[in-house]
N, C-alpha and C. Protein backbone atom coordinates (compact mmCIF):
# COMPACT_ATOMS: atom_id res chain seq x y z
N MET A 1 -21.15 -1.19 12.49
CA MET A 1 -20.49 -1.32 13.78
C MET A 1 -19.00 -1.61 13.59
N LYS A 2 -18.70 -2.43 12.58
CA LYS A 2 -17.31 -2.79 12.32
C LYS A 2 -16.46 -1.55 12.04
N ALA A 3 -17.00 -0.62 11.26
CA ALA A 3 -16.27 0.61 10.93
C ALA A 3 -16.02 1.46 12.16
N VAL A 4 -16.95 1.46 13.10
CA VAL A 4 -16.79 2.23 14.32
C VAL A 4 -15.77 1.57 15.25
N ALA A 5 -15.80 0.25 15.32
CA ALA A 5 -14.89 -0.48 16.20
C ALA A 5 -13.48 -0.59 15.65
N HIS A 6 -13.35 -0.48 14.33
CA HIS A 6 -12.05 -0.65 13.66
C HIS A 6 -10.92 0.18 14.28
N PRO A 7 -11.10 1.48 14.54
CA PRO A 7 -10.00 2.28 15.11
C PRO A 7 -9.61 1.84 16.53
N TRP A 8 -10.50 1.17 17.22
CA TRP A 8 -10.19 0.72 18.58
C TRP A 8 -9.60 -0.69 18.59
N ILE A 9 -10.06 -1.52 17.68
CA ILE A 9 -9.62 -2.92 17.67
C ILE A 9 -8.23 -3.08 17.06
N ASP A 10 -7.94 -2.36 15.98
CA ASP A 10 -6.63 -2.49 15.33
C ASP A 10 -5.45 -2.27 16.28
N PRO A 11 -5.45 -1.21 17.08
CA PRO A 11 -4.32 -1.05 18.02
C PRO A 11 -4.19 -2.21 19.00
N LEU A 12 -5.31 -2.74 19.44
CA LEU A 12 -5.25 -3.89 20.35
C LEU A 12 -4.66 -5.12 19.66
N LEU A 13 -5.07 -5.35 18.43
CA LEU A 13 -4.57 -6.50 17.69
C LEU A 13 -3.09 -6.39 17.35
N SER A 14 -2.59 -5.17 17.25
CA SER A 14 -1.18 -4.99 16.90
C SER A 14 -0.26 -4.89 18.12
N THR A 15 -0.80 -4.97 19.31
CA THR A 15 0.01 -4.85 20.52
C THR A 15 1.14 -5.87 20.57
N ARG A 16 0.85 -7.12 20.23
CA ARG A 16 1.88 -8.16 20.25
C ARG A 16 3.02 -7.82 19.29
N ASP A 17 2.70 -7.35 18.07
CA ASP A 17 3.73 -6.97 17.11
C ASP A 17 4.57 -5.80 17.63
N HIS A 18 3.93 -4.85 18.28
CA HIS A 18 4.66 -3.70 18.84
C HIS A 18 5.65 -4.17 19.91
N ARG A 19 5.19 -5.08 20.77
CA ARG A 19 6.09 -5.60 21.81
C ARG A 19 7.27 -6.34 21.22
N CYS A 20 7.01 -7.16 20.21
CA CYS A 20 8.10 -7.91 19.55
C CYS A 20 9.10 -6.96 18.91
N ALA A 21 8.61 -5.96 18.23
CA ALA A 21 9.50 -4.99 17.58
C ALA A 21 10.31 -4.22 18.61
N ARG A 22 9.67 -3.78 19.68
CA ARG A 22 10.36 -3.04 20.74
C ARG A 22 11.46 -3.90 21.35
N ARG A 23 11.16 -5.17 21.60
CA ARG A 23 12.13 -6.10 22.18
C ARG A 23 13.32 -6.30 21.24
N ALA A 24 13.04 -6.44 19.95
CA ALA A 24 14.10 -6.67 18.97
C ALA A 24 15.00 -5.45 18.80
N LEU A 25 14.44 -4.27 18.97
CA LEU A 25 15.21 -3.04 18.73
C LEU A 25 15.84 -2.44 19.98
N GLN A 26 15.45 -2.89 21.16
CA GLN A 26 15.92 -2.25 22.38
C GLN A 26 17.43 -2.38 22.61
N SER A 27 18.06 -3.38 22.03
CA SER A 27 19.50 -3.55 22.25
C SER A 27 20.34 -2.67 21.32
N LEU A 28 19.72 -2.04 20.34
CA LEU A 28 20.46 -1.17 19.43
C LEU A 28 20.81 0.14 20.13
N PRO A 29 22.05 0.59 19.97
CA PRO A 29 22.39 1.89 20.56
C PRO A 29 21.63 3.02 19.86
N ALA A 30 21.39 4.09 20.59
CA ALA A 30 20.70 5.25 20.02
C ALA A 30 21.56 5.82 18.89
N GLY A 31 20.94 6.38 17.90
CA GLY A 31 21.67 6.98 16.80
C GLY A 31 20.92 6.87 15.50
N GLU A 32 21.59 7.23 14.45
CA GLU A 32 21.00 7.21 13.12
C GLU A 32 21.45 5.95 12.39
N TYR A 33 20.51 5.32 11.72
CA TYR A 33 20.81 4.11 10.97
C TYR A 33 20.44 4.33 9.51
N ARG A 34 21.24 3.80 8.62
CA ARG A 34 20.97 3.95 7.19
C ARG A 34 21.08 2.60 6.50
N VAL A 35 20.30 2.45 5.47
CA VAL A 35 20.34 1.25 4.66
C VAL A 35 21.28 1.53 3.50
N GLY A 36 22.12 0.60 3.16
CA GLY A 36 23.11 0.81 2.11
C GLY A 36 22.60 0.60 0.70
N VAL A 37 21.33 0.93 0.46
CA VAL A 37 20.76 0.82 -0.88
C VAL A 37 20.02 2.10 -1.20
N ARG A 38 19.85 2.35 -2.49
CA ARG A 38 19.07 3.50 -2.93
C ARG A 38 17.61 3.07 -3.00
N VAL A 39 16.76 3.79 -2.30
CA VAL A 39 15.33 3.47 -2.31
C VAL A 39 14.65 4.36 -3.35
N PRO A 40 14.08 3.76 -4.39
CA PRO A 40 13.40 4.56 -5.41
C PRO A 40 12.08 5.11 -4.87
N TYR A 41 11.66 6.22 -5.41
CA TYR A 41 10.37 6.79 -5.02
C TYR A 41 9.32 6.42 -6.05
N TYR A 42 8.22 5.88 -5.59
CA TYR A 42 7.06 5.61 -6.42
C TYR A 42 5.84 6.20 -5.74
N ALA A 43 5.20 7.14 -6.37
CA ALA A 43 3.96 7.71 -5.85
C ALA A 43 2.81 6.75 -6.10
N GLN A 44 1.81 6.85 -5.29
CA GLN A 44 0.63 6.02 -5.53
C GLN A 44 -0.17 6.55 -6.71
N PHE A 45 0.06 7.79 -7.09
CA PHE A 45 -0.63 8.39 -8.22
C PHE A 45 0.29 8.42 -9.44
N ALA A 46 -0.26 8.24 -10.61
CA ALA A 46 0.53 8.17 -11.84
C ALA A 46 1.24 9.48 -12.14
N SER A 47 0.66 10.59 -11.72
CA SER A 47 1.27 11.90 -11.95
C SER A 47 1.58 12.54 -10.60
N PRO A 48 2.79 12.30 -10.07
CA PRO A 48 3.12 12.81 -8.73
C PRO A 48 2.96 14.32 -8.60
N GLU A 49 3.14 15.04 -9.70
CA GLU A 49 3.00 16.49 -9.64
C GLU A 49 1.55 16.92 -9.39
N ARG A 50 0.62 16.00 -9.49
CA ARG A 50 -0.80 16.29 -9.25
C ARG A 50 -1.28 15.81 -7.88
N ILE A 51 -0.38 15.36 -7.02
CA ILE A 51 -0.80 14.79 -5.73
C ILE A 51 -1.66 15.79 -4.95
N HIS A 52 -1.24 17.03 -4.89
CA HIS A 52 -2.04 18.04 -4.17
C HIS A 52 -3.45 18.12 -4.75
N ASP A 53 -3.57 18.08 -6.05
CA ASP A 53 -4.89 18.14 -6.69
C ASP A 53 -5.72 16.90 -6.35
N TYR A 54 -5.09 15.73 -6.34
CA TYR A 54 -5.80 14.51 -5.98
C TYR A 54 -6.34 14.59 -4.55
N ILE A 55 -5.47 14.98 -3.64
CA ILE A 55 -5.81 14.96 -2.22
C ILE A 55 -6.75 16.10 -1.83
N HIS A 56 -6.45 17.30 -2.30
CA HIS A 56 -7.16 18.48 -1.81
C HIS A 56 -8.22 19.05 -2.76
N ARG A 57 -8.17 18.68 -4.00
CA ARG A 57 -9.11 19.26 -4.96
C ARG A 57 -9.99 18.22 -5.65
N GLY A 58 -9.88 16.97 -5.22
CA GLY A 58 -10.73 15.93 -5.79
C GLY A 58 -10.49 15.67 -7.27
N TYR A 59 -9.22 15.77 -7.67
CA TYR A 59 -8.88 15.55 -9.08
C TYR A 59 -9.38 14.18 -9.52
N ASP A 60 -10.00 14.12 -10.68
CA ASP A 60 -10.55 12.89 -11.23
C ASP A 60 -9.46 12.15 -11.99
N GLY A 61 -9.01 11.02 -11.44
CA GLY A 61 -7.93 10.25 -12.04
C GLY A 61 -8.22 9.72 -13.43
N THR A 62 -9.48 9.67 -13.82
CA THR A 62 -9.77 9.21 -15.18
C THR A 62 -9.25 10.22 -16.21
N HIS A 63 -8.95 11.43 -15.77
CA HIS A 63 -8.43 12.46 -16.67
C HIS A 63 -6.90 12.57 -16.60
N ASP A 64 -6.27 11.78 -15.75
CA ASP A 64 -4.81 11.83 -15.62
C ASP A 64 -4.19 11.26 -16.90
N PRO A 65 -3.41 12.06 -17.62
CA PRO A 65 -2.85 11.57 -18.89
C PRO A 65 -1.86 10.41 -18.71
N ASP A 66 -1.36 10.21 -17.49
CA ASP A 66 -0.40 9.14 -17.24
C ASP A 66 -1.01 7.92 -16.54
N TRP A 67 -2.34 7.85 -16.47
CA TRP A 67 -3.00 6.78 -15.72
C TRP A 67 -2.50 5.39 -16.10
N HIS A 68 -2.15 5.19 -17.35
CA HIS A 68 -1.73 3.86 -17.84
C HIS A 68 -0.44 3.37 -17.17
N THR A 69 0.40 4.29 -16.64
CA THR A 69 1.65 3.85 -15.99
C THR A 69 1.38 3.08 -14.70
N PHE A 70 0.19 3.21 -14.17
CA PHE A 70 -0.24 2.46 -12.99
C PHE A 70 -0.33 0.98 -13.31
N GLY A 71 -0.62 0.68 -14.59
CA GLY A 71 -0.71 -0.70 -15.05
C GLY A 71 -2.12 -1.18 -15.28
N ALA A 72 -3.11 -0.40 -14.89
CA ALA A 72 -4.51 -0.80 -15.08
C ALA A 72 -4.87 -0.77 -16.56
N ASP A 73 -5.91 -1.51 -16.91
CA ASP A 73 -6.36 -1.57 -18.30
C ASP A 73 -7.25 -0.39 -18.69
N VAL A 74 -7.94 0.16 -17.71
CA VAL A 74 -8.85 1.28 -17.99
C VAL A 74 -8.66 2.37 -16.94
N PRO A 75 -8.88 3.63 -17.31
CA PRO A 75 -8.66 4.72 -16.36
C PRO A 75 -9.58 4.66 -15.13
N GLU A 76 -10.73 4.04 -15.25
CA GLU A 76 -11.65 3.94 -14.10
C GLU A 76 -11.05 3.06 -13.00
N ASP A 77 -10.38 1.97 -13.39
CA ASP A 77 -9.72 1.12 -12.38
C ASP A 77 -8.60 1.90 -11.70
N TYR A 78 -7.83 2.61 -12.50
CA TYR A 78 -6.77 3.44 -11.92
C TYR A 78 -7.35 4.47 -10.96
N ALA A 79 -8.40 5.19 -11.38
CA ALA A 79 -8.98 6.25 -10.56
C ALA A 79 -9.49 5.71 -9.23
N PHE A 80 -10.06 4.51 -9.23
CA PHE A 80 -10.57 3.91 -8.00
C PHE A 80 -9.42 3.48 -7.09
N TRP A 81 -8.48 2.71 -7.62
CA TRP A 81 -7.45 2.10 -6.78
C TRP A 81 -6.31 3.04 -6.42
N SER A 82 -6.03 4.05 -7.20
CA SER A 82 -4.89 4.92 -6.89
C SER A 82 -5.01 5.57 -5.52
N HIS A 83 -6.22 5.80 -5.06
CA HIS A 83 -6.42 6.39 -3.73
C HIS A 83 -6.27 5.34 -2.62
N ARG A 84 -6.10 4.10 -2.98
CA ARG A 84 -6.10 3.02 -1.99
C ARG A 84 -4.81 2.20 -1.99
N VAL A 85 -3.74 2.73 -2.58
CA VAL A 85 -2.53 1.91 -2.69
C VAL A 85 -1.30 2.52 -2.02
N CYS A 86 -1.47 3.37 -1.05
CA CYS A 86 -0.31 3.95 -0.37
C CYS A 86 0.60 2.85 0.19
N ALA A 87 0.00 1.88 0.87
CA ALA A 87 0.79 0.78 1.44
C ALA A 87 1.50 -0.01 0.35
N LEU A 88 0.83 -0.19 -0.79
CA LEU A 88 1.43 -0.95 -1.88
C LEU A 88 2.56 -0.16 -2.55
N ALA A 89 2.44 1.16 -2.59
CA ALA A 89 3.54 1.97 -3.12
C ALA A 89 4.77 1.83 -2.22
N CYS A 90 4.56 1.74 -0.92
CA CYS A 90 5.68 1.52 0.01
C CYS A 90 6.33 0.16 -0.24
N ILE A 91 5.52 -0.86 -0.46
CA ILE A 91 6.06 -2.19 -0.78
C ILE A 91 6.85 -2.14 -2.08
N LYS A 92 6.31 -1.45 -3.07
CA LYS A 92 7.00 -1.34 -4.36
C LYS A 92 8.35 -0.65 -4.18
N MET A 93 8.42 0.38 -3.33
CA MET A 93 9.69 1.07 -3.09
C MET A 93 10.69 0.15 -2.39
N ALA A 94 10.23 -0.60 -1.40
CA ALA A 94 11.13 -1.51 -0.68
C ALA A 94 11.64 -2.61 -1.60
N VAL A 95 10.76 -3.18 -2.38
CA VAL A 95 11.17 -4.22 -3.34
C VAL A 95 12.15 -3.63 -4.34
N GLY A 96 11.86 -2.43 -4.84
CA GLY A 96 12.73 -1.78 -5.81
C GLY A 96 14.11 -1.47 -5.25
N ALA A 97 14.19 -1.23 -3.94
CA ALA A 97 15.49 -0.94 -3.32
C ALA A 97 16.39 -2.17 -3.31
N PHE A 98 15.82 -3.31 -2.99
CA PHE A 98 16.63 -4.52 -2.85
C PHE A 98 16.63 -5.41 -4.09
N TYR A 99 15.64 -5.23 -4.95
CA TYR A 99 15.53 -6.01 -6.17
C TYR A 99 15.24 -5.05 -7.33
N PRO A 100 16.24 -4.26 -7.72
CA PRO A 100 16.00 -3.22 -8.72
C PRO A 100 15.53 -3.73 -10.08
N ASP A 101 15.72 -5.00 -10.36
CA ASP A 101 15.26 -5.53 -11.64
C ASP A 101 13.79 -5.95 -11.62
N ALA A 102 13.18 -5.91 -10.44
CA ALA A 102 11.77 -6.28 -10.33
C ALA A 102 10.93 -5.27 -11.10
N GLN A 103 10.19 -5.73 -12.05
CA GLN A 103 9.35 -4.87 -12.88
C GLN A 103 7.89 -5.10 -12.54
N LEU A 104 7.42 -4.49 -11.48
CA LEU A 104 6.03 -4.68 -11.12
C LEU A 104 5.33 -3.32 -11.06
N THR A 105 4.08 -3.32 -11.43
CA THR A 105 3.30 -2.10 -11.38
C THR A 105 2.44 -2.13 -10.11
N LEU A 106 1.90 -1.00 -9.76
CA LEU A 106 0.98 -0.97 -8.63
C LEU A 106 -0.26 -1.81 -8.94
N TRP A 107 -0.66 -1.84 -10.21
CA TRP A 107 -1.80 -2.68 -10.60
C TRP A 107 -1.48 -4.16 -10.37
N ASP A 108 -0.24 -4.58 -10.65
CA ASP A 108 0.16 -5.96 -10.35
C ASP A 108 -0.04 -6.25 -8.87
N LEU A 109 0.42 -5.33 -8.03
CA LEU A 109 0.29 -5.52 -6.58
C LEU A 109 -1.18 -5.55 -6.15
N VAL A 110 -2.00 -4.67 -6.73
CA VAL A 110 -3.43 -4.68 -6.42
C VAL A 110 -4.02 -6.05 -6.75
N GLN A 111 -3.76 -6.55 -7.95
CA GLN A 111 -4.33 -7.83 -8.38
C GLN A 111 -3.84 -8.98 -7.49
N GLN A 112 -2.55 -8.99 -7.18
CA GLN A 112 -2.00 -10.06 -6.34
C GLN A 112 -2.55 -9.96 -4.91
N GLY A 113 -2.74 -8.76 -4.41
CA GLY A 113 -3.31 -8.57 -3.08
C GLY A 113 -4.77 -8.98 -3.02
N LEU A 114 -5.53 -8.64 -4.05
CA LEU A 114 -6.93 -9.04 -4.09
C LEU A 114 -7.07 -10.55 -4.18
N ALA A 115 -6.12 -11.21 -4.84
CA ALA A 115 -6.16 -12.67 -4.99
C ALA A 115 -6.04 -13.39 -3.65
N VAL A 116 -5.50 -12.72 -2.63
CA VAL A 116 -5.38 -13.33 -1.30
C VAL A 116 -6.34 -12.66 -0.31
N ASN A 117 -7.44 -12.10 -0.85
CA ASN A 117 -8.44 -11.42 -0.01
C ASN A 117 -7.82 -10.36 0.88
N GLY A 118 -6.95 -9.56 0.27
CA GLY A 118 -6.19 -8.56 1.03
C GLY A 118 -6.87 -7.23 1.21
N TYR A 119 -8.03 -7.03 0.62
CA TYR A 119 -8.71 -5.74 0.70
C TYR A 119 -10.21 -5.99 0.67
N THR A 120 -10.95 -5.28 1.50
CA THR A 120 -12.40 -5.41 1.52
C THR A 120 -13.04 -4.10 1.11
N VAL A 121 -13.78 -4.12 0.03
CA VAL A 121 -14.51 -2.95 -0.43
C VAL A 121 -15.96 -3.03 0.05
N ARG A 122 -16.51 -4.23 0.01
CA ARG A 122 -17.90 -4.43 0.44
C ARG A 122 -17.96 -5.61 1.41
N ASP A 123 -18.87 -5.51 2.39
CA ASP A 123 -19.01 -6.61 3.34
C ASP A 123 -19.84 -7.73 2.73
N GLU A 124 -20.10 -8.76 3.53
CA GLU A 124 -20.80 -9.95 3.03
C GLU A 124 -22.23 -9.65 2.58
N ARG A 125 -22.79 -8.52 2.99
CA ARG A 125 -24.14 -8.14 2.58
C ARG A 125 -24.12 -7.12 1.43
N GLY A 126 -22.91 -6.85 0.91
CA GLY A 126 -22.80 -5.94 -0.21
C GLY A 126 -22.72 -4.47 0.15
N ARG A 127 -22.65 -4.17 1.45
CA ARG A 127 -22.56 -2.78 1.88
C ARG A 127 -21.13 -2.27 1.73
N TRP A 128 -21.00 -1.00 1.36
CA TRP A 128 -19.71 -0.35 1.17
C TRP A 128 -19.01 -0.24 2.52
N VAL A 129 -17.78 -0.79 2.63
CA VAL A 129 -17.01 -0.69 3.87
C VAL A 129 -15.60 -0.14 3.63
N ASP A 130 -15.01 -0.43 2.49
CA ASP A 130 -13.69 0.10 2.11
C ASP A 130 -12.71 0.10 3.28
N GLN A 131 -12.31 -1.08 3.74
CA GLN A 131 -11.52 -1.23 4.95
C GLN A 131 -10.01 -1.13 4.77
N GLY A 132 -9.51 -1.15 3.60
CA GLY A 132 -8.07 -1.00 3.43
C GLY A 132 -7.34 -2.33 3.32
N TRP A 133 -6.04 -2.23 3.10
CA TRP A 133 -5.20 -3.42 2.90
C TRP A 133 -4.90 -4.08 4.23
N TYR A 134 -5.10 -5.38 4.27
CA TYR A 134 -4.82 -6.15 5.47
C TYR A 134 -3.34 -6.50 5.53
N VAL A 135 -2.84 -6.62 6.73
CA VAL A 135 -1.42 -6.90 6.94
C VAL A 135 -1.02 -8.22 6.29
N HIS A 136 -1.87 -9.24 6.37
CA HIS A 136 -1.49 -10.53 5.77
C HIS A 136 -1.21 -10.37 4.28
N ALA A 137 -1.97 -9.52 3.60
CA ALA A 137 -1.75 -9.32 2.17
C ALA A 137 -0.46 -8.55 1.92
N GLN A 138 -0.19 -7.56 2.75
CA GLN A 138 1.05 -6.78 2.60
C GLN A 138 2.27 -7.67 2.79
N LYS A 139 2.23 -8.53 3.80
CA LYS A 139 3.34 -9.47 4.02
C LYS A 139 3.47 -10.42 2.84
N HIS A 140 2.36 -10.90 2.35
CA HIS A 140 2.35 -11.81 1.21
C HIS A 140 2.98 -11.14 -0.01
N LEU A 141 2.57 -9.91 -0.30
CA LEU A 141 3.10 -9.20 -1.46
C LEU A 141 4.60 -8.94 -1.35
N ALA A 142 5.03 -8.55 -0.18
CA ALA A 142 6.47 -8.31 0.03
C ALA A 142 7.24 -9.61 -0.14
N GLY A 143 6.70 -10.70 0.38
CA GLY A 143 7.37 -12.00 0.25
C GLY A 143 7.41 -12.53 -1.16
N LEU A 144 6.36 -12.26 -1.94
CA LEU A 144 6.33 -12.71 -3.33
C LEU A 144 7.47 -12.12 -4.16
N HIS A 145 7.81 -10.89 -3.85
CA HIS A 145 8.73 -10.16 -4.70
C HIS A 145 10.13 -9.99 -4.12
N THR A 146 10.40 -10.71 -3.04
CA THR A 146 11.72 -10.57 -2.42
C THR A 146 12.47 -11.88 -2.32
N GLY A 147 11.96 -12.88 -2.90
CA GLY A 147 12.68 -14.07 -2.65
C GLY A 147 12.77 -15.09 -3.65
């Protein structure tokens, strides 16, 4: 039931954040805004040239010759988590833009996020739910590496 309700409940829960953001941004004049830093690109997959294969052809990440750049100890951990770290790759890019000396891997972010119960793979009865990264964990990870 939780998986069915998830797409309906999340937008309701985020309504307050949307209102706050809209209020904060409404006084800005229309136009284009740029950040005065270079934002590095980090793909969630170790071999960005294989992204199409990962997404559309079911490429098995355990065979990716660059899997170790993710930071995991074994290719199976990389293959499992690489499909689940899009949000963490965004955090890594933002941190890298403002703190270019930060040397963190996506595996570091996975481990730190899991340490704060930031991702649910199985529910309390052991059933597969794979719910994704929670906002509290994303905020925590961004705060850990920016200050």
